[in-house]
Amino acid sequence: MGKKKDAKKHKSGRKKDHPDVGAADLAQAITQAARSMRTTLSRNLLEGGLYAGQDGVIVALTEADGLTAGALAQRLGVKAPTMTRTIGRMEVQGFVERRPDETDQRLTKVYLTENGRSSTELIARAVAACDALALKGFSDKEVRTLVRLLRTLDANLQGEEIAAEDEEE
């Protein structure tokens, strides 16, 4: 009574089965952890006047300034109307500006303002603070393992294969 049945192990020493974790447990744990990370990050960003999702727009424009709303939506995995509303709000806040494309006047592109560019430091600090809180008590090796496992899980769900070099980190 009360004894757990140990899962059989592969030759590698890894467990074959996951008797203590059901499929619903994994999805729920990952979903809750992602929500908690996003809530904490959003709270940290709000101190600098940024709302949830705006950090992604600023980071994307830092990497490639002058994108269309459609290109931003695609990069960030959101629908175009959502991105249009986000850009409008960010324009009012002074983080971005819309300008006609120089070569194709039919296109409008989004650019960071000086205020938007300067907010990248706030975003970096907010992300670092969120990461530090989330990873409190983890060793460097555990963090590397967790990131590798999450990347593999994501690739599995997207039907991709992780390169062998990524697996051996």
Protein backbone atom coordinates (compact mmCIF):
# COMPACT_ATOMS: atom_id res chain seq x y z
CA MET A 1 0.00 0.00 0.00
CA GLY A 2 1.34 3.45 -0.90
CA LYS A 3 4.24 2.06 -2.99
CA LYS A 4 4.77 3.57 -6.41
CA LYS A 5 5.54 1.23 -9.23
CA ASP A 6 8.85 2.24 -10.83
CA ALA A 7 8.84 2.65 -14.57
CA LYS A 8 11.16 0.44 -16.56
CA LYS A 9 14.29 2.13 -17.84
CA HIS A 10 15.90 2.16 -21.26
CA LYS A 11 19.53 1.13 -21.66
CA SER A 12 20.33 4.85 -21.46
CA GLY A 13 18.94 4.95 -17.94
CA ARG A 14 15.96 7.08 -18.91
CA LYS A 15 12.50 6.08 -17.79
CA LYS A 16 10.27 4.64 -20.48
CA ASP A 17 6.98 5.74 -18.97
CA HIS A 18 5.84 8.76 -17.01
CA PRO A 19 3.63 7.10 -14.39
CA ASP A 20 3.26 10.14 -12.13
CA VAL A 21 2.37 12.59 -14.90
CA GLY A 22 -0.68 12.27 -17.07
CA ALA A 23 -1.10 14.00 -20.44
CA ALA A 24 -3.50 16.50 -18.89
CA ASP A 25 -0.95 17.30 -16.16
CA LEU A 26 1.71 18.28 -18.71
CA ALA A 27 -0.55 20.55 -20.75
CA GLN A 28 -1.98 22.16 -17.60
CA ALA A 29 1.46 22.72 -16.04
CA ILE A 30 2.94 24.27 -19.18
CA THR A 31 -0.13 26.44 -19.78
CA GLN A 32 -0.14 27.67 -16.18
CA ALA A 33 3.61 28.36 -16.19
CA ALA A 34 3.29 30.30 -19.46
CA ARG A 35 0.38 32.33 -18.05
CA SER A 36 2.32 33.11 -14.88
CA MET A 37 5.39 34.17 -16.89
CA ARG A 38 3.29 36.42 -19.12
CA THR A 39 1.43 37.95 -16.15
CA THR A 40 4.67 38.71 -14.34
CA LEU A 41 6.29 40.12 -17.47
CA SER A 42 3.20 42.24 -18.21
CA ARG A 43 3.27 43.64 -14.68
CA ASN A 44 6.96 44.53 -15.07
CA LEU A 45 6.35 46.17 -18.47
CA LEU A 46 3.37 48.17 -17.22
CA GLU A 47 5.71 50.08 -14.92
CA GLY A 48 7.26 51.57 -18.08
CA GLY A 49 3.93 52.26 -19.78
CA LEU A 50 3.92 49.16 -22.02
CA TYR A 51 0.97 46.80 -22.24
CA ALA A 52 1.00 43.06 -22.94
CA GLY A 53 2.07 42.33 -26.51
CA GLN A 54 3.63 45.73 -27.13
CA ASP A 55 7.05 44.41 -26.14
CA GLY A 56 6.92 41.97 -29.06
CA VAL A 57 6.19 44.79 -31.50
CA ILE A 58 9.13 46.83 -30.20
CA VAL A 59 11.50 43.85 -30.30
CA ALA A 60 10.39 42.98 -33.87
CA LEU A 61 10.88 46.59 -35.01
CA THR A 62 14.27 46.71 -33.29
CA GLU A 63 15.29 43.75 -35.44
CA ALA A 64 13.71 45.13 -38.64
CA ASP A 65 12.35 48.67 -38.46
CA GLY A 66 9.79 49.69 -41.06
CA LEU A 67 7.51 46.66 -41.25
CA THR A 68 3.91 46.66 -42.40
CA ALA A 69 1.17 45.83 -39.89
CA GLY A 70 0.62 42.55 -41.75
CA ALA A 71 4.30 41.59 -41.51
CA LEU A 72 4.30 42.41 -37.79
CA ALA A 73 1.14 40.35 -37.26
CA GLN A 74 2.69 37.40 -39.05
CA ARG A 75 5.96 37.63 -37.09
CA LEU A 76 4.13 37.78 -33.78
CA GLY A 77 1.49 35.19 -34.63
CA VAL A 78 -1.54 37.45 -34.18
CA LYS A 79 -4.38 38.45 -36.48
CA ALA A 80 -4.02 41.63 -38.56
CA PRO A 81 -6.91 43.51 -36.85
CA THR A 82 -5.31 42.86 -33.44
CA MET A 83 -2.00 44.23 -34.72
CA THR A 84 -3.68 47.29 -36.22
CA ARG A 85 -5.28 48.11 -32.85
CA THR A 86 -1.97 47.53 -31.04
CA ILE A 87 -0.10 49.81 -33.46
CA GLY A 88 -2.77 52.50 -33.06
CA ARG A 89 -2.45 52.41 -29.29
CA MET A 90 1.35 52.43 -29.48
CA GLU A 91 1.26 55.38 -31.87
CA VAL A 92 -0.86 57.37 -29.39
CA GLN A 93 1.61 56.42 -26.63
CA GLY A 94 4.51 57.65 -28.77
CA PHE A 95 6.33 54.30 -29.20
CA VAL A 96 5.81 53.95 -32.98
CA GLU A 97 4.85 55.99 -36.00
CA ARG A 98 3.27 55.02 -39.31
CA ARG A 99 4.68 56.38 -42.55
CA PRO A 100 3.96 55.65 -46.21
CA ASP A 101 6.50 53.39 -47.90
CA GLU A 102 8.99 55.41 -49.95
CA THR A 103 8.77 53.14 -53.00
CA ASP A 104 5.12 52.00 -52.81
CA GLN A 105 2.78 54.71 -51.54
CA ARG A 106 0.00 52.13 -51.14
CA LEU A 107 1.89 50.57 -48.22
CA THR A 108 2.14 52.00 -44.73
CA LYS A 109 5.07 50.93 -42.62
CA VAL A 110 5.58 51.08 -38.87
CA TYR A 111 8.74 52.59 -37.37
CA LEU A 112 10.01 52.95 -33.83
CA THR A 113 10.17 56.46 -32.44
CA GLU A 114 13.01 57.52 -30.16
CA ASN A 115 10.70 56.72 -27.23
CA GLY A 116 10.13 53.25 -28.68
CA ARG A 117 13.84 52.66 -29.17
CA SER A 118 14.63 53.73 -25.63
CA SER A 119 12.03 51.28 -24.26
CA THR A 120 14.15 48.31 -25.36
CA GLU A 121 16.19 48.68 -22.16
CA LEU A 122 13.00 48.58 -20.08
CA ILE A 123 11.93 45.43 -21.93
CA ALA A 124 15.31 43.77 -21.35
CA ARG A 125 15.15 44.60 -17.61
CA ALA A 126 11.55 43.38 -17.35
CA VAL A 127 12.41 40.09 -19.08
CA ALA A 128 15.52 39.61 -16.92
CA ALA A 129 13.55 40.24 -13.72
CA CYS A 130 10.83 37.82 -14.82
CA ASP A 131 13.38 35.14 -15.75
CA ALA A 132 15.24 35.58 -12.45
CA LEU A 133 12.03 35.15 -10.47
CA ALA A 134 10.89 32.15 -12.51
CA LEU A 135 14.26 30.39 -12.29
CA LYS A 136 14.93 31.02 -8.61
CA GLY A 137 16.50 27.86 -7.17
CA PHE A 138 17.41 26.33 -10.54
CA SER A 139 21.03 25.49 -11.36
CA ASP A 140 22.55 26.66 -14.66
CA LYS A 141 22.45 23.04 -15.87
CA GLU A 142 18.76 22.72 -14.96
CA VAL A 143 17.98 25.94 -16.85
CA ARG A 144 19.80 24.69 -19.96
CA THR A 145 17.98 21.35 -19.70
CA LEU A 146 14.60 23.04 -19.22
CA VAL A 147 15.12 25.29 -22.25
CA ARG A 148 16.27 22.34 -24.37
CA LEU A 149 13.26 20.26 -23.30
CA LEU A 150 10.78 23.07 -23.98
CA ARG A 151 12.30 23.68 -27.42
CA THR A 152 12.04 19.98 -28.21
CA LEU A 153 8.45 19.88 -26.95
CA ASP A 154 7.58 22.89 -29.12
CA ALA A 155 9.25 21.33 -32.17
CA ASN A 156 7.36 18.07 -31.56
CA LEU A 157 4.08 19.97 -31.47
CA GLN A 158 4.96 21.83 -34.65
CA GLY A 159 6.05 18.63 -36.40
CA GLU A 160 9.69 19.66 -36.67
CA GLU A 161 12.85 17.87 -35.79
CA ILE A 162 15.50 19.44 -33.60
CA ALA A 163 19.00 19.41 -35.05
CA ALA A 164 21.34 16.91 -33.40
CA GLU A 165 23.63 19.72 -32.21
CA ASP A 166 20.75 21.31 -30.28
CA GLU A 167 20.00 18.01 -28.54
CA GLU A 168 23.54 17.62 -27.27
CA GLU A 169 23.86 21.01 -25.50
